[in-house]
Amino acid sequence: MNLVIICGSQQADSQSLKVANFLMQRLEAQQLSAQCSILDLGEHPLALWDPSIWQGNPEWKATLSPIAERLKNADAFVVISPEYHGMVPAALKNFFLMWGNGELAHKPALLVGVSASAGGAYPIAELRMSSYKNNRISYMPEHLIVRNVAKVLNDEPSGEDDEKLRKRIDYSLTLLSEYSKAYGAIRQSGVIDLKTWRNGM
């Protein structure tokens, strides 16, 4: 499985990036991914979407082409969203506006909400509701919420909740690997037609 972890925090060296690195370590430890990379929107922010993307603006092409290639080659994704004021960060919502040429289409994704306290559920609901329509990313029913993020997923488990979260992470990543195999067969079936049905309803 070739997997891209999309870290949606707008801050460099964020707690969400800590979660992304932990997930990548677990993927490697379980030998679930032959290739895994992190796309960190805090370290490499994208400019705000504008309609010139649709007209082939050369500046946008230069910016987006390397990322598009990574996304096209991926079999699955992990999408990590911190909770900002009960919402998905603007950088992550902006990211999903960029991809309408099948880069994410019909590929499974594991959603991960991140909260500094006891929140984290709102970004999951928001992304499930509105981030998939035209790019066709396919969120798994399973998701993760990392609460009190500063206290968990550090070098050593901090207690029962942390240990339970680590086990659930391993389970969710294993499940994502199986979804990746199944969706690969769907994409190879020939039934997907993104030229006729470019946009969702």
N, C-alpha and C. Protein backbone atom coordinates (compact mmCIF):
# COMPACT_ATOMS: atom_id res chain seq x y z
N MET A 1 0.84 -1.18 0.00
CA MET A 1 0.00 0.00 0.00
C MET A 1 0.89 1.25 0.00
N ASN A 2 0.61 2.14 -0.93
CA ASN A 2 1.24 3.45 -0.97
C ASN A 2 0.29 4.42 -0.29
N LEU A 3 0.71 5.02 0.81
CA LEU A 3 -0.20 5.81 1.62
C LEU A 3 0.34 7.22 1.83
N VAL A 4 -0.54 8.22 1.74
CA VAL A 4 -0.18 9.60 2.05
C VAL A 4 -0.98 10.03 3.27
N ILE A 5 -0.27 10.54 4.27
CA ILE A 5 -0.90 11.10 5.46
C ILE A 5 -0.98 12.60 5.27
N ILE A 6 -2.20 13.12 5.29
CA ILE A 6 -2.43 14.56 5.10
C ILE A 6 -2.62 15.18 6.48
N CYS A 7 -1.66 16.00 6.89
CA CYS A 7 -1.70 16.64 8.21
C CYS A 7 -2.28 18.03 8.03
N GLY A 8 -3.50 18.24 8.53
CA GLY A 8 -4.26 19.45 8.24
C GLY A 8 -4.03 20.62 9.17
N SER A 9 -3.11 20.51 10.10
CA SER A 9 -2.84 21.65 10.98
C SER A 9 -2.17 22.78 10.22
N GLN A 10 -2.48 24.01 10.59
CA GLN A 10 -1.85 25.16 9.97
C GLN A 10 -0.60 25.61 10.72
N GLN A 11 -0.23 24.87 11.75
CA GLN A 11 0.95 25.23 12.54
C GLN A 11 2.12 24.31 12.21
N ALA A 12 3.29 24.88 12.10
CA ALA A 12 4.48 24.06 11.91
C ALA A 12 4.78 23.32 13.21
N ASP A 13 5.31 22.10 13.10
CA ASP A 13 5.69 21.30 14.25
C ASP A 13 4.53 21.15 15.24
N SER A 14 3.37 20.79 14.71
CA SER A 14 2.13 20.74 15.49
C SER A 14 1.97 19.40 16.21
N GLN A 15 1.02 19.35 17.13
CA GLN A 15 0.64 18.08 17.75
C GLN A 15 0.03 17.14 16.71
N SER A 16 -0.65 17.68 15.72
CA SER A 16 -1.20 16.84 14.65
C SER A 16 -0.07 16.17 13.88
N LEU A 17 1.04 16.88 13.68
CA LEU A 17 2.19 16.28 13.01
C LEU A 17 2.79 15.18 13.88
N LYS A 18 2.78 15.36 15.19
CA LYS A 18 3.21 14.29 16.09
C LYS A 18 2.37 13.04 15.87
N VAL A 19 1.05 13.22 15.76
CA VAL A 19 0.15 12.09 15.50
C VAL A 19 0.48 11.46 14.15
N ALA A 20 0.72 12.29 13.13
CA ALA A 20 1.06 11.77 11.80
C ALA A 20 2.32 10.92 11.85
N ASN A 21 3.33 11.39 12.55
CA ASN A 21 4.58 10.62 12.66
C ASN A 21 4.37 9.32 13.42
N PHE A 22 3.52 9.34 14.44
CA PHE A 22 3.23 8.11 15.18
C PHE A 22 2.54 7.11 14.26
N LEU A 23 1.56 7.57 13.49
CA LEU A 23 0.85 6.66 12.58
C LEU A 23 1.81 6.08 11.54
N MET A 24 2.72 6.89 11.04
CA MET A 24 3.68 6.39 10.06
C MET A 24 4.58 5.32 10.69
N GLN A 25 4.99 5.53 11.93
CA GLN A 25 5.80 4.52 12.63
C GLN A 25 5.03 3.21 12.79
N ARG A 26 3.74 3.30 13.11
CA ARG A 26 2.94 2.09 13.28
C ARG A 26 2.71 1.36 11.95
N LEU A 27 2.53 2.12 10.88
CA LEU A 27 2.40 1.50 9.56
C LEU A 27 3.66 0.72 9.21
N GLU A 28 4.82 1.31 9.50
CA GLU A 28 6.09 0.65 9.21
C GLU A 28 6.28 -0.56 10.12
N ALA A 29 5.93 -0.42 11.40
CA ALA A 29 6.11 -1.52 12.34
C ALA A 29 5.25 -2.72 11.98
N GLN A 30 4.05 -2.46 11.47
CA GLN A 30 3.14 -3.54 11.08
C GLN A 30 3.33 -3.98 9.63
N GLN A 31 4.28 -3.33 8.94
CA GLN A 31 4.57 -3.63 7.53
C GLN A 31 3.30 -3.56 6.67
N LEU A 32 2.52 -2.50 6.90
CA LEU A 32 1.27 -2.31 6.17
C LEU A 32 1.46 -1.44 4.93
N SER A 33 2.53 -0.68 4.87
CA SER A 33 2.70 0.25 3.77
C SER A 33 4.10 0.12 3.18
N ALA A 34 4.14 -0.13 1.88
CA ALA A 34 5.42 -0.20 1.20
C ALA A 34 6.03 1.19 1.05
N GLN A 35 5.16 2.19 0.99
CA GLN A 35 5.61 3.57 0.86
C GLN A 35 4.63 4.46 1.62
N CYS A 36 5.15 5.34 2.45
CA CYS A 36 4.30 6.24 3.24
C CYS A 36 4.97 7.59 3.34
N SER A 37 4.19 8.65 3.14
CA SER A 37 4.74 9.99 3.27
C SER A 37 3.72 10.89 3.94
N ILE A 38 4.21 11.99 4.48
CA ILE A 38 3.35 12.97 5.16
C ILE A 38 3.32 14.25 4.34
N LEU A 39 2.12 14.72 4.06
CA LEU A 39 1.92 16.03 3.44
C LEU A 39 1.46 16.97 4.55
N ASP A 40 2.36 17.83 5.00
CA ASP A 40 2.13 18.68 6.17
C ASP A 40 1.73 20.08 5.71
N LEU A 41 0.46 20.44 5.89
CA LEU A 41 -0.02 21.74 5.45
C LEU A 41 0.45 22.88 6.36
N GLY A 42 1.01 22.55 7.51
CA GLY A 42 1.62 23.57 8.35
C GLY A 42 3.00 23.96 7.85
N GLU A 43 3.74 22.97 7.43
CA GLU A 43 5.10 23.20 6.92
C GLU A 43 5.08 23.69 5.48
N HIS A 44 4.10 23.21 4.69
CA HIS A 44 4.01 23.56 3.27
C HIS A 44 2.59 24.02 2.94
N PRO A 45 2.20 25.21 3.37
CA PRO A 45 0.83 25.69 3.14
C PRO A 45 0.57 25.97 1.66
N LEU A 46 -0.67 25.75 1.24
CA LEU A 46 -1.09 26.07 -0.12
C LEU A 46 -1.79 27.43 -0.11
N ALA A 47 -1.61 28.19 -1.20
CA ALA A 47 -2.34 29.45 -1.34
C ALA A 47 -3.84 29.14 -1.43
N LEU A 48 -4.66 30.16 -1.21
CA LEU A 48 -6.10 29.97 -1.30
C LEU A 48 -6.50 29.62 -2.73
N TRP A 49 -7.40 28.65 -2.84
CA TRP A 49 -7.93 28.24 -4.14
C TRP A 49 -8.51 29.44 -4.87
N ASP A 50 -8.31 29.46 -6.20
CA ASP A 50 -9.03 30.44 -7.03
C ASP A 50 -9.36 29.79 -8.38
N PRO A 51 -10.32 30.35 -9.12
CA PRO A 51 -10.81 29.68 -10.34
C PRO A 51 -9.78 29.51 -11.44
N SER A 52 -8.65 30.24 -11.37
CA SER A 52 -7.64 30.10 -12.42
C SER A 52 -7.03 28.70 -12.45
N ILE A 53 -7.20 27.94 -11.38
CA ILE A 53 -6.76 26.54 -11.40
C ILE A 53 -7.43 25.81 -12.56
N TRP A 54 -8.72 26.09 -12.77
CA TRP A 54 -9.49 25.43 -13.84
C TRP A 54 -9.03 25.85 -15.23
N GLN A 55 -8.41 27.03 -15.32
CA GLN A 55 -7.93 27.52 -16.62
C GLN A 55 -6.47 27.15 -16.89
N GLY A 56 -5.89 26.32 -16.04
CA GLY A 56 -4.52 25.88 -16.27
C GLY A 56 -3.47 26.92 -15.94
N ASN A 57 -3.73 27.76 -14.95
CA ASN A 57 -2.77 28.77 -14.51
C ASN A 57 -1.40 28.11 -14.29
N PRO A 58 -0.34 28.60 -14.99
CA PRO A 58 0.98 27.94 -14.89
C PRO A 58 1.58 27.96 -13.49
N GLU A 59 1.30 29.03 -12.71
CA GLU A 59 1.82 29.08 -11.35
C GLU A 59 1.18 28.00 -10.49
N TRP A 60 -0.13 27.82 -10.65
CA TRP A 60 -0.80 26.76 -9.91
C TRP A 60 -0.29 25.39 -10.37
N LYS A 61 -0.09 25.22 -11.66
CA LYS A 61 0.41 23.93 -12.17
C LYS A 61 1.75 23.59 -11.53
N ALA A 62 2.63 24.58 -11.46
CA ALA A 62 3.95 24.35 -10.88
C ALA A 62 3.85 23.96 -9.41
N THR A 63 2.90 24.58 -8.70
CA THR A 63 2.72 24.28 -7.27
C THR A 63 2.08 22.93 -7.05
N LEU A 64 1.03 22.64 -7.83
CA LEU A 64 0.20 21.47 -7.54
C LEU A 64 0.66 20.18 -8.21
N SER A 65 1.39 20.28 -9.31
CA SER A 65 1.75 19.05 -10.05
C SER A 65 2.52 18.03 -9.22
N PRO A 66 3.54 18.45 -8.43
CA PRO A 66 4.24 17.43 -7.63
C PRO A 66 3.34 16.78 -6.58
N ILE A 67 2.44 17.58 -5.99
CA ILE A 67 1.52 17.03 -5.00
C ILE A 67 0.51 16.11 -5.68
N ALA A 68 0.00 16.55 -6.83
CA ALA A 68 -0.96 15.72 -7.57
C ALA A 68 -0.37 14.36 -7.90
N GLU A 69 0.90 14.33 -8.26
CA GLU A 69 1.56 13.07 -8.60
C GLU A 69 1.61 12.14 -7.39
N ARG A 70 1.92 12.70 -6.22
CA ARG A 70 1.94 11.90 -4.99
C ARG A 70 0.56 11.33 -4.69
N LEU A 71 -0.46 12.17 -4.85
CA LEU A 71 -1.82 11.73 -4.54
C LEU A 71 -2.31 10.69 -5.54
N LYS A 72 -1.98 10.88 -6.81
CA LYS A 72 -2.39 9.91 -7.85
C LYS A 72 -1.77 8.54 -7.59
N ASN A 73 -0.53 8.53 -7.13
CA ASN A 73 0.17 7.27 -6.90
C ASN A 73 -0.25 6.58 -5.61
N ALA A 74 -0.96 7.29 -4.75
CA ALA A 74 -1.38 6.72 -3.46
C ALA A 74 -2.54 5.76 -3.65
N ASP A 75 -2.57 4.73 -2.79
CA ASP A 75 -3.68 3.78 -2.76
C ASP A 75 -4.69 4.15 -1.68
N ALA A 76 -4.26 4.92 -0.68
CA ALA A 76 -5.12 5.25 0.45
C ALA A 76 -4.55 6.47 1.16
N PHE A 77 -5.37 7.04 2.05
CA PHE A 77 -4.97 8.26 2.76
C PHE A 77 -5.35 8.17 4.23
N VAL A 78 -4.60 8.91 5.03
CA VAL A 78 -5.04 9.25 6.38
C VAL A 78 -5.18 10.77 6.40
N VAL A 79 -6.32 11.26 6.86
CA VAL A 79 -6.57 12.69 6.90
C VAL A 79 -6.67 13.11 8.37
N ILE A 80 -5.72 13.92 8.82
CA ILE A 80 -5.66 14.34 10.22
C ILE A 80 -6.11 15.79 10.32
N SER A 81 -7.11 16.02 11.17
CA SER A 81 -7.63 17.37 11.35
C SER A 81 -7.68 17.75 12.82
N PRO A 82 -6.93 18.78 13.21
CA PRO A 82 -7.15 19.33 14.54
C PRO A 82 -8.48 20.07 14.56
N GLU A 83 -8.96 20.34 15.74
CA GLU A 83 -10.22 21.07 15.90
C GLU A 83 -9.91 22.52 16.25
N TYR A 84 -10.24 23.43 15.32
CA TYR A 84 -10.07 24.86 15.55
C TYR A 84 -11.45 25.48 15.75
N HIS A 85 -11.75 25.93 16.96
CA HIS A 85 -13.05 26.54 17.24
C HIS A 85 -14.19 25.62 16.81
N GLY A 86 -14.02 24.32 17.01
CA GLY A 86 -15.05 23.36 16.65
C GLY A 86 -15.14 23.09 15.17
N MET A 87 -14.12 23.50 14.41
CA MET A 87 -14.16 23.37 12.95
C MET A 87 -12.89 22.75 12.41
N VAL A 88 -12.97 22.34 11.13
CA VAL A 88 -11.80 21.91 10.37
C VAL A 88 -10.98 23.16 10.02
N PRO A 89 -9.65 23.12 10.14
CA PRO A 89 -8.84 24.28 9.77
C PRO A 89 -9.05 24.69 8.31
N ALA A 90 -8.95 25.99 8.06
CA ALA A 90 -9.14 26.51 6.71
C ALA A 90 -8.17 25.87 5.71
N ALA A 91 -6.95 25.60 6.14
CA ALA A 91 -5.95 25.01 5.24
C ALA A 91 -6.40 23.65 4.71
N LEU A 92 -7.06 22.87 5.54
CA LEU A 92 -7.49 21.54 5.12
C LEU A 92 -8.70 21.62 4.21
N LYS A 93 -9.66 22.50 4.53
CA LYS A 93 -10.81 22.69 3.64
C LYS A 93 -10.33 23.19 2.28
N ASN A 94 -9.38 24.11 2.29
CA ASN A 94 -8.80 24.64 1.06
C ASN A 94 -8.14 23.52 0.25
N PHE A 95 -7.44 22.62 0.94
CA PHE A 95 -6.76 21.51 0.27
C PHE A 95 -7.73 20.69 -0.58
N PHE A 96 -8.90 20.41 -0.05
CA PHE A 96 -9.84 19.55 -0.76
C PHE A 96 -10.44 20.22 -2.00
N LEU A 97 -10.35 21.55 -2.08
CA LEU A 97 -10.84 22.25 -3.27
C LEU A 97 -9.93 22.05 -4.48
N MET A 98 -8.70 21.62 -4.25
CA MET A 98 -7.70 21.59 -5.32
C MET A 98 -7.83 20.39 -6.25
N TRP A 99 -8.52 19.33 -5.81
CA TRP A 99 -8.38 18.05 -6.51
C TRP A 99 -9.69 17.60 -7.17
N GLY A 100 -9.78 17.83 -8.48
CA GLY A 100 -10.97 17.43 -9.22
C GLY A 100 -10.67 16.55 -10.42
N ASN A 101 -9.46 16.04 -10.51
CA ASN A 101 -9.07 15.21 -11.65
C ASN A 101 -8.79 13.76 -11.26
N GLY A 102 -9.44 13.31 -10.22
CA GLY A 102 -9.33 11.90 -9.85
C GLY A 102 -8.17 11.56 -8.95
N GLU A 103 -7.45 12.56 -8.45
CA GLU A 103 -6.28 12.27 -7.62
C GLU A 103 -6.65 11.50 -6.35
N LEU A 104 -7.81 11.81 -5.78
CA LEU A 104 -8.26 11.17 -4.54
C LEU A 104 -9.39 10.17 -4.79
N ALA A 105 -9.87 10.12 -6.01
CA ALA A 105 -11.15 9.46 -6.29
C ALA A 105 -11.14 7.96 -6.02
N HIS A 106 -12.17 7.54 -5.31
CA HIS A 106 -12.41 6.11 -5.03
C HIS A 106 -11.20 5.46 -4.38
N LYS A 107 -10.63 6.21 -3.44
CA LYS A 107 -9.53 5.69 -2.61
C LYS A 107 -9.96 5.85 -1.16
N PRO A 108 -9.72 4.84 -0.33
CA PRO A 108 -10.18 4.91 1.06
C PRO A 108 -9.32 5.84 1.89
N ALA A 109 -9.95 6.43 2.90
CA ALA A 109 -9.23 7.33 3.80
C ALA A 109 -9.72 7.12 5.22
N LEU A 110 -8.78 7.16 6.14
CA LEU A 110 -9.06 7.10 7.57
C LEU A 110 -9.02 8.51 8.12
N LEU A 111 -10.11 8.95 8.73
CA LEU A 111 -10.17 10.26 9.35
C LEU A 111 -9.64 10.21 10.78
N VAL A 112 -8.87 11.22 11.16
CA VAL A 112 -8.33 11.33 12.51
C VAL A 112 -8.58 12.74 13.02
N GLY A 113 -9.40 12.87 14.05
CA GLY A 113 -9.62 14.15 14.70
C GLY A 113 -8.64 14.32 15.85
N VAL A 114 -8.18 15.55 16.07
CA VAL A 114 -7.19 15.83 17.11
C VAL A 114 -7.70 16.99 17.97
N SER A 115 -7.62 16.82 19.29
CA SER A 115 -8.07 17.85 20.20
C SER A 115 -7.07 18.03 21.34
N ALA A 116 -6.86 19.29 21.74
CA ALA A 116 -6.02 19.57 22.88
C ALA A 116 -6.70 19.20 24.19
N SER A 117 -8.03 19.05 24.14
CA SER A 117 -8.78 18.68 25.35
C SER A 117 -9.67 17.48 25.06
N ALA A 118 -10.97 17.61 25.31
CA ALA A 118 -11.86 16.45 25.17
C ALA A 118 -12.72 16.51 23.92
N GLY A 119 -12.36 17.37 22.95
CA GLY A 119 -13.14 17.51 21.72
C GLY A 119 -12.66 16.58 20.62
N GLY A 120 -12.74 17.07 19.39
CA GLY A 120 -12.22 16.33 18.25
C GLY A 120 -13.25 15.69 17.36
N ALA A 121 -14.53 15.66 17.79
CA ALA A 121 -15.56 14.99 16.99
C ALA A 121 -16.09 15.88 15.86
N TYR A 122 -16.12 17.19 16.06
CA TYR A 122 -16.70 18.07 15.05
C TYR A 122 -15.97 18.02 13.70
N PRO A 123 -14.63 18.01 13.66
CA PRO A 123 -13.96 17.90 12.36
C PRO A 123 -14.31 16.61 11.61
N ILE A 124 -14.49 15.51 12.36
CA ILE A 124 -14.88 14.25 11.71
C ILE A 124 -16.21 14.43 11.00
N ALA A 125 -17.20 14.98 11.70
CA ALA A 125 -18.52 15.17 11.12
C ALA A 125 -18.47 16.13 9.93
N GLU A 126 -17.71 17.20 10.07
CA GLU A 126 -17.63 18.19 9.00
C GLU A 126 -16.99 17.61 7.74
N LEU A 127 -15.91 16.89 7.90
CA LEU A 127 -15.24 16.30 6.74
C LEU A 127 -16.11 15.24 6.06
N ARG A 128 -16.80 14.45 6.85
CA ARG A 128 -17.70 13.44 6.27
C ARG A 128 -18.83 14.11 5.48
N MET A 129 -19.26 15.26 5.95
CA MET A 129 -20.41 15.93 5.34
C MET A 129 -20.05 16.66 4.05
N SER A 130 -18.88 17.29 3.98
CA SER A 130 -18.70 18.27 2.91
C SER A 130 -17.37 18.22 2.15
N SER A 131 -16.46 17.34 2.46
CA SER A 131 -15.14 17.44 1.84
C SER A 131 -14.91 16.46 0.68
N TYR A 132 -15.88 15.61 0.38
CA TYR A 132 -15.64 14.51 -0.56
C TYR A 132 -16.31 14.69 -1.92
N LYS A 133 -17.23 15.63 -2.06
CA LYS A 133 -18.22 15.63 -3.15
C LYS A 133 -17.60 15.49 -4.54
N ASN A 134 -16.71 16.37 -4.92
CA ASN A 134 -16.16 16.34 -6.27
C ASN A 134 -14.82 15.61 -6.38
N ASN A 135 -14.10 15.51 -5.28
CA ASN A 135 -12.81 14.79 -5.36
C ASN A 135 -12.99 13.29 -5.15
N ARG A 136 -14.15 12.88 -4.62
CA ARG A 136 -14.56 11.46 -4.50
C ARG A 136 -13.72 10.63 -3.53
N ILE A 137 -13.03 11.28 -2.60
CA ILE A 137 -12.35 10.51 -1.56
C ILE A 137 -13.40 9.71 -0.80
N SER A 138 -13.03 8.53 -0.32
CA SER A 138 -14.00 7.62 0.30
C SER A 138 -13.59 7.32 1.74
N TYR A 139 -14.29 7.96 2.68
CA TYR A 139 -13.94 7.79 4.09
C TYR A 139 -14.46 6.46 4.63
N MET A 140 -13.60 5.76 5.34
CA MET A 140 -14.00 4.53 6.02
C MET A 140 -15.02 4.85 7.11
N PRO A 141 -15.88 3.88 7.44
CA PRO A 141 -16.78 4.08 8.58
C PRO A 141 -16.01 4.26 9.90
N GLU A 142 -14.89 3.60 10.02
CA GLU A 142 -14.05 3.70 11.21
C GLU A 142 -13.30 5.03 11.19
N HIS A 143 -13.14 5.67 12.35
CA HIS A 143 -12.29 6.85 12.44
C HIS A 143 -11.63 6.87 13.82
N LEU A 144 -10.70 7.80 14.00
CA LEU A 144 -9.99 7.95 15.26
C LEU A 144 -10.16 9.36 15.78
N ILE A 145 -10.22 9.52 17.10
CA ILE A 145 -10.18 10.84 17.73
C ILE A 145 -9.09 10.79 18.81
N VAL A 146 -8.11 11.65 18.66
CA VAL A 146 -7.01 11.74 19.62
C VAL A 146 -7.29 12.92 20.53
N ARG A 147 -7.76 12.62 21.73
CA ARG A 147 -8.09 13.67 22.71
C ARG A 147 -6.91 13.88 23.67
N ASN A 148 -6.84 15.08 24.25
CA ASN A 148 -5.73 15.42 25.15
C ASN A 148 -4.39 15.05 24.50
N VAL A 149 -4.22 15.54 23.29
CA VAL A 149 -3.16 15.06 22.41
C VAL A 149 -1.76 15.23 23.00
N ALA A 150 -1.54 16.27 23.79
CA ALA A 150 -0.20 16.48 24.35
C ALA A 150 0.21 15.37 25.31
N LYS A 151 -0.77 14.66 25.86
CA LYS A 151 -0.50 13.64 26.88
C LYS A 151 -0.41 12.23 26.33
N VAL A 152 -0.72 12.04 25.04
CA VAL A 152 -0.75 10.68 24.48
C VAL A 152 0.16 10.59 23.26
N LEU A 153 0.45 9.34 22.87
CA LEU A 153 1.26 9.03 21.69
C LEU A 153 2.64 9.66 21.76
N ASN A 154 3.17 9.73 22.99
CA ASN A 154 4.54 10.18 23.20
C ASN A 154 5.44 8.96 23.27
N ASP A 155 6.66 9.12 23.75
CA ASP A 155 7.62 8.00 23.71
C ASP A 155 7.12 6.78 24.46
N GLU A 156 6.52 6.99 25.63
CA GLU A 156 6.00 5.88 26.44
C GLU A 156 4.52 6.09 26.70
N PRO A 157 3.71 5.01 26.72
CA PRO A 157 2.28 5.16 27.03
C PRO A 157 2.09 5.82 28.39
N SER A 158 1.11 6.71 28.47
CA SER A 158 0.90 7.48 29.69
C SER A 158 -0.19 6.89 30.59
N GLY A 159 -0.75 5.77 30.19
CA GLY A 159 -1.80 5.18 31.00
C GLY A 159 -2.73 4.33 30.16
N GLU A 160 -3.83 3.90 30.78
CA GLU A 160 -4.75 2.98 30.13
C GLU A 160 -5.38 3.56 28.87
N ASP A 161 -5.77 4.84 28.92
CA ASP A 161 -6.40 5.46 27.74
C ASP A 161 -5.43 5.52 26.56
N ASP A 162 -4.19 5.85 26.85
CA ASP A 162 -3.17 5.93 25.80
C ASP A 162 -2.93 4.54 25.20
N GLU A 163 -2.84 3.53 26.02
CA GLU A 163 -2.62 2.17 25.53
C GLU A 163 -3.79 1.70 24.67
N LYS A 164 -4.99 2.03 25.11
CA LYS A 164 -6.18 1.66 24.35
C LYS A 164 -6.21 2.37 22.99
N LEU A 165 -5.83 3.64 22.97
CA LEU A 165 -5.77 4.40 21.73
C LEU A 165 -4.76 3.78 20.77
N ARG A 166 -3.60 3.38 21.28
CA ARG A 166 -2.57 2.77 20.43
C ARG A 166 -3.07 1.48 19.80
N LYS A 167 -3.82 0.69 20.56
CA LYS A 167 -4.38 -0.55 20.00
C LYS A 167 -5.42 -0.24 18.93
N ARG A 168 -6.22 0.78 19.18
CA ARG A 168 -7.24 1.15 18.20
C ARG A 168 -6.59 1.69 16.92
N ILE A 169 -5.50 2.41 17.07
CA ILE A 169 -4.76 2.89 15.89
C ILE A 169 -4.28 1.72 15.05
N ASP A 170 -3.68 0.72 15.68
CA ASP A 170 -3.20 -0.45 14.94
C ASP A 170 -4.35 -1.15 14.23
N TYR A 171 -5.47 -1.29 14.92
CA TYR A 171 -6.65 -1.92 14.30
C TYR A 171 -7.12 -1.11 13.09
N SER A 172 -7.23 0.20 13.25
CA SER A 172 -7.74 1.06 12.18
C SER A 172 -6.81 1.06 10.97
N LEU A 173 -5.50 1.07 11.19
CA LEU A 173 -4.56 1.04 10.09
C LEU A 173 -4.59 -0.30 9.35
N THR A 174 -4.75 -1.38 10.10
CA THR A 174 -4.89 -2.70 9.47
C THR A 174 -6.15 -2.74 8.61
N LEU A 175 -7.22 -2.18 9.11
CA LEU A 175 -8.48 -2.13 8.36
C LEU A 175 -8.31 -1.28 7.11
N LEU A 176 -7.63 -0.15 7.23
CA LEU A 176 -7.38 0.70 6.07
C LEU A 176 -6.61 -0.05 4.99
N SER A 177 -5.67 -0.86 5.39
CA SER A 177 -4.91 -1.66 4.44
C SER A 177 -5.82 -2.59 3.64
N GLU A 178 -6.79 -3.20 4.31
CA GLU A 178 -7.73 -4.09 3.62
C GLU A 178 -8.67 -3.31 2.70
N TYR A 179 -9.11 -2.14 3.17
CA TYR A 179 -9.93 -1.29 2.31
C TYR A 179 -9.15 -0.90 1.06
N SER A 180 -7.86 -0.63 1.23
CA SER A 180 -7.02 -0.25 0.10
C SER A 180 -7.02 -1.33 -0.98
N LYS A 181 -6.94 -2.58 -0.56
CA LYS A 181 -6.96 -3.69 -1.53
C LYS A 181 -8.30 -3.76 -2.25
N ALA A 182 -9.39 -3.62 -1.50
CA ALA A 182 -10.72 -3.72 -2.09
C ALA A 182 -10.98 -2.57 -3.06
N TYR A 183 -10.59 -1.36 -2.69
CA TYR A 183 -10.83 -0.21 -3.57
C TYR A 183 -9.94 -0.25 -4.80
N GLY A 184 -8.78 -0.87 -4.68
CA GLY A 184 -7.93 -1.06 -5.85
C GLY A 184 -8.65 -1.87 -6.92
N ALA A 185 -9.36 -2.89 -6.50
CA ALA A 185 -10.14 -3.71 -7.45
C ALA A 185 -11.25 -2.90 -8.08
N ILE A 186 -11.89 -2.03 -7.30
CA ILE A 186 -12.95 -1.17 -7.85
C ILE A 186 -12.38 -0.24 -8.92
N ARG A 187 -11.25 0.39 -8.64
CA ARG A 187 -10.66 1.33 -9.61
C ARG A 187 -10.22 0.61 -10.88
N GLN A 188 -9.81 -0.65 -10.75
CA GLN A 188 -9.37 -1.40 -11.92
C GLN A 188 -10.51 -2.06 -12.70
N SER A 189 -11.72 -1.95 -12.19
CA SER A 189 -12.86 -2.65 -12.80
C SER A 189 -13.31 -2.03 -14.12
N GLY A 190 -12.98 -0.76 -14.34
CA GLY A 190 -13.41 -0.09 -15.56
C GLY A 190 -14.77 0.58 -15.46
N VAL A 191 -15.44 0.48 -14.32
CA VAL A 191 -16.78 1.06 -14.21
C VAL A 191 -16.76 2.54 -13.82
N ILE A 192 -15.65 3.03 -13.32
CA ILE A 192 -15.57 4.43 -12.90
C ILE A 192 -15.44 5.33 -14.13
N ASP A 193 -16.28 6.35 -14.21
CA ASP A 193 -16.29 7.27 -15.35
C ASP A 193 -16.28 8.71 -14.83
N LEU A 194 -15.09 9.24 -14.64
CA LEU A 194 -14.95 10.59 -14.11
C LEU A 194 -15.02 11.66 -15.21
N LYS A 195 -15.03 11.23 -16.48
CA LYS A 195 -15.18 12.21 -17.57
C LYS A 195 -16.65 12.60 -17.71
N THR A 196 -17.52 11.59 -17.73
CA THR A 196 -18.95 11.87 -17.85
C THR A 196 -19.48 12.44 -16.55
N TRP A 197 -19.06 11.89 -15.43
CA TRP A 197 -19.59 12.25 -14.11
C TRP A 197 -18.49 12.89 -13.29
N ARG A 198 -18.00 14.03 -13.77
CA ARG A 198 -16.86 14.70 -13.13
C ARG A 198 -17.21 15.18 -11.73
N ASN A 199 -18.42 15.71 -11.54
CA ASN A 199 -18.82 16.28 -10.25
C ASN A 199 -19.88 15.45 -9.58
N GLY A 200 -19.85 15.42 -8.26
CA GLY A 200 -20.89 14.74 -7.50
C GLY A 200 -22.17 15.55 -7.47
N MET A 201 -23.22 14.93 -7.02
CA MET A 201 -24.53 15.61 -6.95
C MET A 201 -24.69 16.30 -5.59
